[in-house]
Amino acid sequence: LRSVHVQPSFCVFVAFVLQRSVLFLAICLF
């Protein structure tokens, strides 16, 4: 995103990171 001069908003980036990390962590625990 920074390479195309885009600064992602806090909410978008947190939602992007949380969705993948929480889902991946739940799969690892299972």
PDB file of all heavy atoms in Angstrom:
ATOM      1  N   LEU A   1       0.830  -1.206   0.000  1.00  0.00           N
ATOM      2  CA  LEU A   1       0.000   0.000   0.000  1.00  0.00           C
ATOM      3  C   LEU A   1       0.866   1.259   0.000  1.00  0.00           C
ATOM      4  O   LEU A   1       0.574   2.230  -0.705  1.00  0.00           O
ATOM      5  CB  LEU A   1      -0.930  -0.003   1.216  1.00  0.00           C
ATOM      6  CG  LEU A   1      -2.071  -1.018   1.209  1.00  0.00           C
ATOM      7  CD1 LEU A   1      -2.786  -1.030   2.545  1.00  0.00           C
ATOM      8  CD2 LEU A   1      -3.060  -0.712   0.088  1.00  0.00           C
ATOM      9  N   ARG A   2       1.934   1.235   0.778  1.00  0.00           N
ATOM     10  CA  ARG A   2       2.821   2.401   0.828  1.00  0.00           C
ATOM     11  C   ARG A   2       3.540   2.621  -0.496  1.00  0.00           C
ATOM     12  O   ARG A   2       3.876   3.754  -0.840  1.00  0.00           O
ATOM     13  CB  ARG A   2       3.854   2.228   1.955  1.00  0.00           C
ATOM     14  CG  ARG A   2       3.247   2.212   3.355  1.00  0.00           C
ATOM     15  CD  ARG A   2       2.562   3.507   3.685  1.00  0.00           C
ATOM     16  NE  ARG A   2       3.528   4.614   3.734  1.00  0.00           N
ATOM     17  CZ  ARG A   2       3.195   5.889   3.668  1.00  0.00           C
ATOM     18  NH1 ARG A   2       1.925   6.231   3.501  1.00  0.00           N
ATOM     19  NH2 ARG A   2       4.123   6.818   3.740  1.00  0.00           N
ATOM     20  N   SER A   3       3.762   1.532  -1.246  1.00  0.00           N
ATOM     21  CA  SER A   3       4.450   1.670  -2.533  1.00  0.00           C
ATOM     22  C   SER A   3       3.616   2.444  -3.545  1.00  0.00           C
ATOM     23  O   SER A   3       4.158   3.008  -4.501  1.00  0.00           O
ATOM     24  CB  SER A   3       4.799   0.291  -3.086  1.00  0.00           C
ATOM     25  OG  SER A   3       3.627  -0.427  -3.449  1.00  0.00           O
ATOM     26  N   VAL A   4       2.295   2.453  -3.353  1.00  0.00           N
ATOM     27  CA  VAL A   4       1.419   3.234  -4.243  1.00  0.00           C
ATOM     28  C   VAL A   4       0.933   4.497  -3.529  1.00  0.00           C
ATOM     29  O   VAL A   4      -0.093   5.072  -3.893  1.00  0.00           O
ATOM     30  CB  VAL A   4       0.226   2.374  -4.721  1.00  0.00           C
ATOM     31  CG1 VAL A   4       0.692   1.264  -5.631  1.00  0.00           C
ATOM     32  CG2 VAL A   4      -0.573   1.822  -3.552  1.00  0.00           C
ATOM     33  N   HIS A   5       1.677   4.886  -2.479  1.00  0.00           N
ATOM     34  CA  HIS A   5       1.427   6.131  -1.744  1.00  0.00           C
ATOM     35  C   HIS A   5       0.038   6.160  -1.107  1.00  0.00           C
ATOM     36  O   HIS A   5      -0.669   7.173  -1.155  1.00  0.00           O
ATOM     37  CB  HIS A   5       1.606   7.339  -2.669  1.00  0.00           C
ATOM     38  CG  HIS A   5       2.898   7.347  -3.409  1.00  0.00           C
ATOM     39  ND1 HIS A   5       4.115   7.560  -2.789  1.00  0.00           N
ATOM     40  CD2 HIS A   5       3.175   7.138  -4.735  1.00  0.00           C
ATOM     41  CE1 HIS A   5       5.086   7.501  -3.674  1.00  0.00           C
ATOM     42  NE2 HIS A   5       4.543   7.239  -4.859  1.00  0.00           N
ATOM     43  N   VAL A   6      -0.336   5.030  -0.501  1.00  0.00           N
ATOM     44  CA  VAL A   6      -1.617   4.917   0.196  1.00  0.00           C
ATOM     45  C   VAL A   6      -1.355   4.639   1.670  1.00  0.00           C
ATOM     46  O   VAL A   6      -0.594   3.723   2.008  1.00  0.00           O
ATOM     47  CB  VAL A   6      -2.497   3.801  -0.403  1.00  0.00           C
ATOM     48  CG1 VAL A   6      -3.750   3.605   0.456  1.00  0.00           C
ATOM     49  CG2 VAL A   6      -2.888   4.133  -1.827  1.00  0.00           C
ATOM     50  N   GLN A   7      -1.959   5.443   2.536  1.00  0.00           N
ATOM     51  CA  GLN A   7      -1.859   5.228   3.974  1.00  0.00           C
ATOM     52  C   GLN A   7      -3.187   4.632   4.456  1.00  0.00           C
ATOM     53  O   GLN A   7      -4.197   5.334   4.521  1.00  0.00           O
ATOM     54  CB  GLN A   7      -1.582   6.547   4.702  1.00  0.00           C
ATOM     55  CG  GLN A   7      -1.533   6.418   6.221  1.00  0.00           C
ATOM     56  CD  GLN A   7      -0.372   5.569   6.711  1.00  0.00           C
ATOM     57  OE1 GLN A   7       0.747   5.679   6.210  1.00  0.00           O
ATOM     58  NE2 GLN A   7      -0.637   4.718   7.681  1.00  0.00           N
ATOM     59  N   PRO A   8      -3.213   3.329   4.768  1.00  0.00           N
ATOM     60  CA  PRO A   8      -4.486   2.719   5.184  1.00  0.00           C
ATOM     61  C   PRO A   8      -4.964   3.298   6.504  1.00  0.00           C
ATOM     62  O   PRO A   8      -4.168   3.646   7.380  1.00  0.00           O
ATOM     63  CB  PRO A   8      -4.136   1.231   5.321  1.00  0.00           C
ATOM     64  CG  PRO A   8      -2.665   1.207   5.576  1.00  0.00           C
ATOM     65  CD  PRO A   8      -2.105   2.366   4.808  1.00  0.00           C
ATOM     66  N   SER A   9      -6.263   3.413   6.638  1.00  0.00           N
ATOM     67  CA  SER A   9      -6.822   3.910   7.893  1.00  0.00           C
ATOM     68  C   SER A   9      -6.623   2.881   8.998  1.00  0.00           C
ATOM     69  O   SER A   9      -6.450   1.683   8.737  1.00  0.00           O
ATOM     70  CB  SER A   9      -8.317   4.207   7.723  1.00  0.00           C
ATOM     71  OG  SER A   9      -9.045   3.005   7.544  1.00  0.00           O
ATOM     72  N   PHE A  10      -6.668   3.368  10.234  1.00  0.00           N
ATOM     73  CA  PHE A  10      -6.437   2.488  11.387  1.00  0.00           C
ATOM     74  C   PHE A  10      -7.464   1.360  11.431  1.00  0.00           C
ATOM     75  O   PHE A  10      -7.114   0.196  11.631  1.00  0.00           O
ATOM     76  CB  PHE A  10      -6.488   3.314  12.674  1.00  0.00           C
ATOM     77  CG  PHE A  10      -6.404   2.494  13.927  1.00  0.00           C
ATOM     78  CD1 PHE A  10      -5.194   2.002  14.381  1.00  0.00           C
ATOM     79  CD2 PHE A  10      -7.554   2.192  14.649  1.00  0.00           C
ATOM     80  CE1 PHE A  10      -5.117   1.234  15.538  1.00  0.00           C
ATOM     81  CE2 PHE A  10      -7.494   1.428  15.799  1.00  0.00           C
ATOM     82  CZ  PHE A  10      -6.269   0.948  16.247  1.00  0.00           C
ATOM     83  N   CYS A  11      -8.734   1.697  11.248  1.00  0.00           N
ATOM     84  CA  CYS A  11      -9.797   0.691  11.354  1.00  0.00           C
ATOM     85  C   CYS A  11      -9.669  -0.388  10.281  1.00  0.00           C
ATOM     86  O   CYS A  11      -9.858  -1.577  10.550  1.00  0.00           O
ATOM     87  CB  CYS A  11     -11.166   1.357  11.271  1.00  0.00           C
ATOM     88  SG  CYS A  11     -11.600   2.293  12.754  1.00  0.00           S
ATOM     89  N   VAL A  12      -9.353   0.020   9.060  1.00  0.00           N
ATOM     90  CA  VAL A  12      -9.224  -0.945   7.967  1.00  0.00           C
ATOM     91  C   VAL A  12      -8.064  -1.898   8.225  1.00  0.00           C
ATOM     92  O   VAL A  12      -8.191  -3.118   8.076  1.00  0.00           O
ATOM     93  CB  VAL A  12      -9.029  -0.219   6.618  1.00  0.00           C
ATOM     94  CG1 VAL A  12      -8.637  -1.205   5.524  1.00  0.00           C
ATOM     95  CG2 VAL A  12     -10.303   0.484   6.225  1.00  0.00           C
ATOM     96  N   PHE A  13      -6.928  -1.358   8.649  1.00  0.00           N
ATOM     97  CA  PHE A  13      -5.757  -2.209   8.850  1.00  0.00           C
ATOM     98  C   PHE A  13      -5.942  -3.137  10.052  1.00  0.00           C
ATOM     99  O   PHE A  13      -5.569  -4.311  10.002  1.00  0.00           O
ATOM    100  CB  PHE A  13      -4.500  -1.354   9.029  1.00  0.00           C
ATOM    101  CG  PHE A  13      -3.227  -2.139   8.836  1.00  0.00           C
ATOM    102  CD1 PHE A  13      -2.850  -2.561   7.576  1.00  0.00           C
ATOM    103  CD2 PHE A  13      -2.421  -2.456   9.910  1.00  0.00           C
ATOM    104  CE1 PHE A  13      -1.686  -3.292   7.383  1.00  0.00           C
ATOM    105  CE2 PHE A  13      -1.255  -3.179   9.739  1.00  0.00           C
ATOM    106  CZ  PHE A  13      -0.880  -3.599   8.465  1.00  0.00           C
ATOM    107  N   VAL A  14      -6.527  -2.618  11.137  1.00  0.00           N
ATOM    108  CA  VAL A  14      -6.777  -3.465  12.314  1.00  0.00           C
ATOM    109  C   VAL A  14      -7.759  -4.576  11.964  1.00  0.00           C
ATOM    110  O   VAL A  14      -7.570  -5.732  12.351  1.00  0.00           O
ATOM    111  CB  VAL A  14      -7.298  -2.616  13.488  1.00  0.00           C
ATOM    112  CG1 VAL A  14      -7.839  -3.503  14.605  1.00  0.00           C
ATOM    113  CG2 VAL A  14      -6.190  -1.737  14.035  1.00  0.00           C
ATOM    114  N   ALA A  15      -8.827  -4.233  11.231  1.00  0.00           N
ATOM    115  CA  ALA A  15      -9.789  -5.254  10.822  1.00  0.00           C
ATOM    116  C   ALA A  15      -9.131  -6.301   9.940  1.00  0.00           C
ATOM    117  O   ALA A  15      -9.397  -7.503  10.070  1.00  0.00           O
ATOM    118  CB  ALA A  15     -10.954  -4.602  10.076  1.00  0.00           C
ATOM    119  N   PHE A  16      -8.259  -5.860   9.043  1.00  0.00           N
ATOM    120  CA  PHE A  16      -7.550  -6.777   8.148  1.00  0.00           C
ATOM    121  C   PHE A  16      -6.644  -7.731   8.937  1.00  0.00           C
ATOM    122  O   PHE A  16      -6.649  -8.942   8.701  1.00  0.00           O
ATOM    123  CB  PHE A  16      -6.722  -5.960   7.155  1.00  0.00           C
ATOM    124  CG  PHE A  16      -5.920  -6.790   6.194  1.00  0.00           C
ATOM    125  CD1 PHE A  16      -6.511  -7.313   5.057  1.00  0.00           C
ATOM    126  CD2 PHE A  16      -4.577  -7.043   6.422  1.00  0.00           C
ATOM    127  CE1 PHE A  16      -5.779  -8.078   4.164  1.00  0.00           C
ATOM    128  CE2 PHE A  16      -3.842  -7.796   5.536  1.00  0.00           C
ATOM    129  CZ  PHE A  16      -4.435  -8.329   4.406  1.00  0.00           C
ATOM    130  N   VAL A  17      -5.891  -7.181   9.893  1.00  0.00           N
ATOM    131  CA  VAL A  17      -4.960  -7.998  10.679  1.00  0.00           C
ATOM    132  C   VAL A  17      -5.714  -8.923  11.639  1.00  0.00           C
ATOM    133  O   VAL A  17      -5.412 -10.115  11.740  1.00  0.00           O
ATOM    134  CB  VAL A  17      -3.978  -7.097  11.456  1.00  0.00           C
ATOM    135  CG1 VAL A  17      -3.129  -7.941  12.405  1.00  0.00           C
ATOM    136  CG2 VAL A  17      -3.097  -6.326  10.494  1.00  0.00           C
ATOM    137  N   LEU A  18      -6.705  -8.375  12.347  1.00  0.00           N
ATOM    138  CA  LEU A  18      -7.424  -9.166  13.347  1.00  0.00           C
ATOM    139  C   LEU A  18      -8.157 -10.353  12.730  1.00  0.00           C
ATOM    140  O   LEU A  18      -8.127 -11.460  13.279  1.00  0.00           O
ATOM    141  CB  LEU A  18      -8.417  -8.281  14.099  1.00  0.00           C
ATOM    142  CG  LEU A  18      -7.910  -7.546  15.335  1.00  0.00           C
ATOM    143  CD1 LEU A  18      -9.038  -6.769  15.982  1.00  0.00           C
ATOM    144  CD2 LEU A  18      -7.300  -8.512  16.336  1.00  0.00           C
ATOM    145  N   GLN A  19      -8.829 -10.122  11.605  1.00  0.00           N
ATOM    146  CA  GLN A  19      -9.599 -11.208  11.001  1.00  0.00           C
ATOM    147  C   GLN A  19      -8.719 -12.398  10.689  1.00  0.00           C
ATOM    148  O   GLN A  19      -9.074 -13.551  10.980  1.00  0.00           O
ATOM    149  CB  GLN A  19     -10.291 -10.721   9.725  1.00  0.00           C
ATOM    150  CG  GLN A  19     -11.121 -11.811   9.052  1.00  0.00           C
ATOM    151  CD  GLN A  19     -11.759 -11.330   7.772  1.00  0.00           C
ATOM    152  OE1 GLN A  19     -11.563 -10.188   7.356  1.00  0.00           O
ATOM    153  NE2 GLN A  19     -12.524 -12.179   7.135  1.00  0.00           N
ATOM    154  N   ARG A  20      -7.544 -12.144  10.117  1.00  0.00           N
ATOM    155  CA  ARG A  20      -6.667 -13.240   9.713  1.00  0.00           C
ATOM    156  C   ARG A  20      -5.927 -13.858  10.885  1.00  0.00           C
ATOM    157  O   ARG A  20      -5.791 -15.079  10.972  1.00  0.00           O
ATOM    158  CB  ARG A  20      -5.681 -12.733   8.653  1.00  0.00           C
ATOM    159  CG  ARG A  20      -6.333 -12.595   7.300  1.00  0.00           C
ATOM    160  CD  ARG A  20      -5.787 -11.430   6.488  1.00  0.00           C
ATOM    161  NE  ARG A  20      -6.562 -11.294   5.252  1.00  0.00           N
ATOM    162  CZ  ARG A  20      -7.714 -10.631   5.173  1.00  0.00           C
ATOM    163  NH1 ARG A  20      -8.217 -10.061   6.253  1.00  0.00           N
ATOM    164  NH2 ARG A  20      -8.350 -10.546   4.026  1.00  0.00           N
ATOM    165  N   SER A  21      -5.448 -13.031  11.801  1.00  0.00           N
ATOM    166  CA  SER A  21      -4.668 -13.563  12.915  1.00  0.00           C
ATOM    167  C   SER A  21      -5.537 -14.340  13.894  1.00  0.00           C
ATOM    168  O   SER A  21      -5.152 -15.411  14.380  1.00  0.00           O
ATOM    169  CB  SER A  21      -3.929 -12.427  13.635  1.00  0.00           C
ATOM    170  OG  SER A  21      -4.845 -11.444  14.070  1.00  0.00           O
ATOM    171  N   VAL A  22      -6.743 -13.830  14.196  1.00  0.00           N
ATOM    172  CA  VAL A  22      -7.642 -14.521  15.124  1.00  0.00           C
ATOM    173  C   VAL A  22      -8.112 -15.846  14.528  1.00  0.00           C
ATOM    174  O   VAL A  22      -8.134 -16.880  15.208  1.00  0.00           O
ATOM    175  CB  VAL A  22      -8.844 -13.621  15.488  1.00  0.00           C
ATOM    176  CG1 VAL A  22      -9.910 -14.424  16.212  1.00  0.00           C
ATOM    177  CG2 VAL A  22      -8.390 -12.468  16.354  1.00  0.00           C
ATOM    178  N   LEU A  23      -8.475 -15.832  13.247  1.00  0.00           N
ATOM    179  CA  LEU A  23      -8.921 -17.061  12.591  1.00  0.00           C
ATOM    180  C   LEU A  23      -7.790 -18.081  12.528  1.00  0.00           C
ATOM    181  O   LEU A  23      -7.991 -19.271  12.818  1.00  0.00           O
ATOM    182  CB  LEU A  23      -9.424 -16.744  11.180  1.00  0.00           C
ATOM    183  CG  LEU A  23      -9.993 -17.923  10.373  1.00  0.00           C
ATOM    184  CD1 LEU A  23     -11.167 -18.556  11.104  1.00  0.00           C
ATOM    185  CD2 LEU A  23     -10.402 -17.464   8.985  1.00  0.00           C
ATOM    186  N   PHE A  24      -6.595 -17.634  12.195  1.00  0.00           N
ATOM    187  CA  PHE A  24      -5.440 -18.526  12.118  1.00  0.00           C
ATOM    188  C   PHE A  24      -5.107 -19.092  13.489  1.00  0.00           C
ATOM    189  O   PHE A  24      -4.790 -20.280  13.633  1.00  0.00           O
ATOM    190  CB  PHE A  24      -4.244 -17.760  11.540  1.00  0.00           C
ATOM    191  CG  PHE A  24      -3.105 -18.634  11.102  1.00  0.00           C
ATOM    192  CD1 PHE A  24      -3.274 -19.998  10.886  1.00  0.00           C
ATOM    193  CD2 PHE A  24      -1.853 -18.089  10.884  1.00  0.00           C
ATOM    194  CE1 PHE A  24      -2.230 -20.798  10.478  1.00  0.00           C
ATOM    195  CE2 PHE A  24      -0.794 -18.877  10.476  1.00  0.00           C
ATOM    196  CZ  PHE A  24      -0.980 -20.234  10.268  1.00  0.00           C
ATOM    197  N   LEU A  25      -5.211 -18.266  14.519  1.00  0.00           N
ATOM    198  CA  LEU A  25      -4.914 -18.724  15.871  1.00  0.00           C
ATOM    199  C   LEU A  25      -5.940 -19.748  16.346  1.00  0.00           C
ATOM    200  O   LEU A  25      -5.592 -20.739  17.001  1.00  0.00           O
ATOM    201  CB  LEU A  25      -4.876 -17.526  16.824  1.00  0.00           C
ATOM    202  CG  LEU A  25      -4.461 -17.810  18.267  1.00  0.00           C
ATOM    203  CD1 LEU A  25      -3.091 -18.460  18.301  1.00  0.00           C
ATOM    204  CD2 LEU A  25      -4.457 -16.522  19.075  1.00  0.00           C
ATOM    205  N   ALA A  26      -7.213 -19.524  16.016  1.00  0.00           N
ATOM    206  CA  ALA A  26      -8.252 -20.496  16.378  1.00  0.00           C
ATOM    207  C   ALA A  26      -8.015 -21.834  15.688  1.00  0.00           C
ATOM    208  O   ALA A  26      -8.202 -22.900  16.292  1.00  0.00           O
ATOM    209  CB  ALA A  26      -9.626 -19.945  16.002  1.00  0.00           C
ATOM    210  N   ILE A  27      -7.581 -21.794  14.434  1.00  0.00           N
ATOM    211  CA  ILE A  27      -7.275 -23.030  13.704  1.00  0.00           C
ATOM    212  C   ILE A  27      -6.088 -23.747  14.345  1.00  0.00           C
ATOM    213  O   ILE A  27      -6.092 -24.973  14.501  1.00  0.00           O
ATOM    214  CB  ILE A  27      -6.992 -22.715  12.225  1.00  0.00           C
ATOM    215  CG1 ILE A  27      -8.272 -22.230  11.529  1.00  0.00           C
ATOM    216  CG2 ILE A  27      -6.447 -23.937  11.493  1.00  0.00           C
ATOM    217  CD1 ILE A  27      -8.056 -21.721  10.122  1.00  0.00           C
ATOM    218  N   CYS A  28      -5.061 -22.989  14.723  1.00  0.00           N
ATOM    219  CA  CYS A  28      -3.884 -23.579  15.376  1.00  0.00           C
ATOM    220  C   CYS A  28      -4.274 -24.245  16.691  1.00  0.00           C
ATOM    221  O   CYS A  28      -3.806 -25.345  17.003  1.00  0.00           O
ATOM    222  CB  CYS A  28      -2.826 -22.509  15.619  1.00  0.00           C
ATOM    223  SG  CYS A  28      -1.964 -21.948  14.143  1.00  0.00           S
ATOM    224  N   LEU A  29      -5.132 -23.588  17.470  1.00  0.00           N
ATOM    225  CA  LEU A  29      -5.561 -24.152  18.750  1.00  0.00           C
ATOM    226  C   LEU A  29      -6.345 -25.439  18.540  1.00  0.00           C
ATOM    227  O   LEU A  29      -6.111 -26.439  19.237  1.00  0.00           O
ATOM    228  CB  LEU A  29      -6.410 -23.126  19.506  1.00  0.00           C
ATOM    229  CG  LEU A  29      -6.917 -23.542  20.890  1.00  0.00           C
ATOM    230  CD1 LEU A  29      -5.747 -23.839  21.817  1.00  0.00           C
ATOM    231  CD2 LEU A  29      -7.806 -22.451  21.489  1.00  0.00           C
ATOM    232  N   PHE A  30      -7.255 -25.433  17.575  1.00  0.00           N
ATOM    233  CA  PHE A  30      -8.026 -26.637  17.274  1.00  0.00           C
ATOM    234  C   PHE A  30      -7.106 -27.770  16.806  1.00  0.00           C
ATOM    235  O   PHE A  30      -7.253 -28.926  17.237  1.00  0.00           O
ATOM    236  CB  PHE A  30      -9.075 -26.333  16.204  1.00  0.00           C
ATOM    237  CG  PHE A  30      -9.790 -27.566  15.701  1.00  0.00           C
ATOM    238  CD1 PHE A  30     -10.819 -28.137  16.439  1.00  0.00           C
ATOM    239  CD2 PHE A  30      -9.421 -28.158  14.497  1.00  0.00           C
ATOM    240  CE1 PHE A  30     -11.464 -29.278  15.988  1.00  0.00           C
ATOM    241  CE2 PHE A  30     -10.063 -29.290  14.039  1.00  0.00           C
ATOM    242  CZ  PHE A  30     -11.087 -29.851  14.780  1.00  0.00           C
TER     243      PHE A  30
END
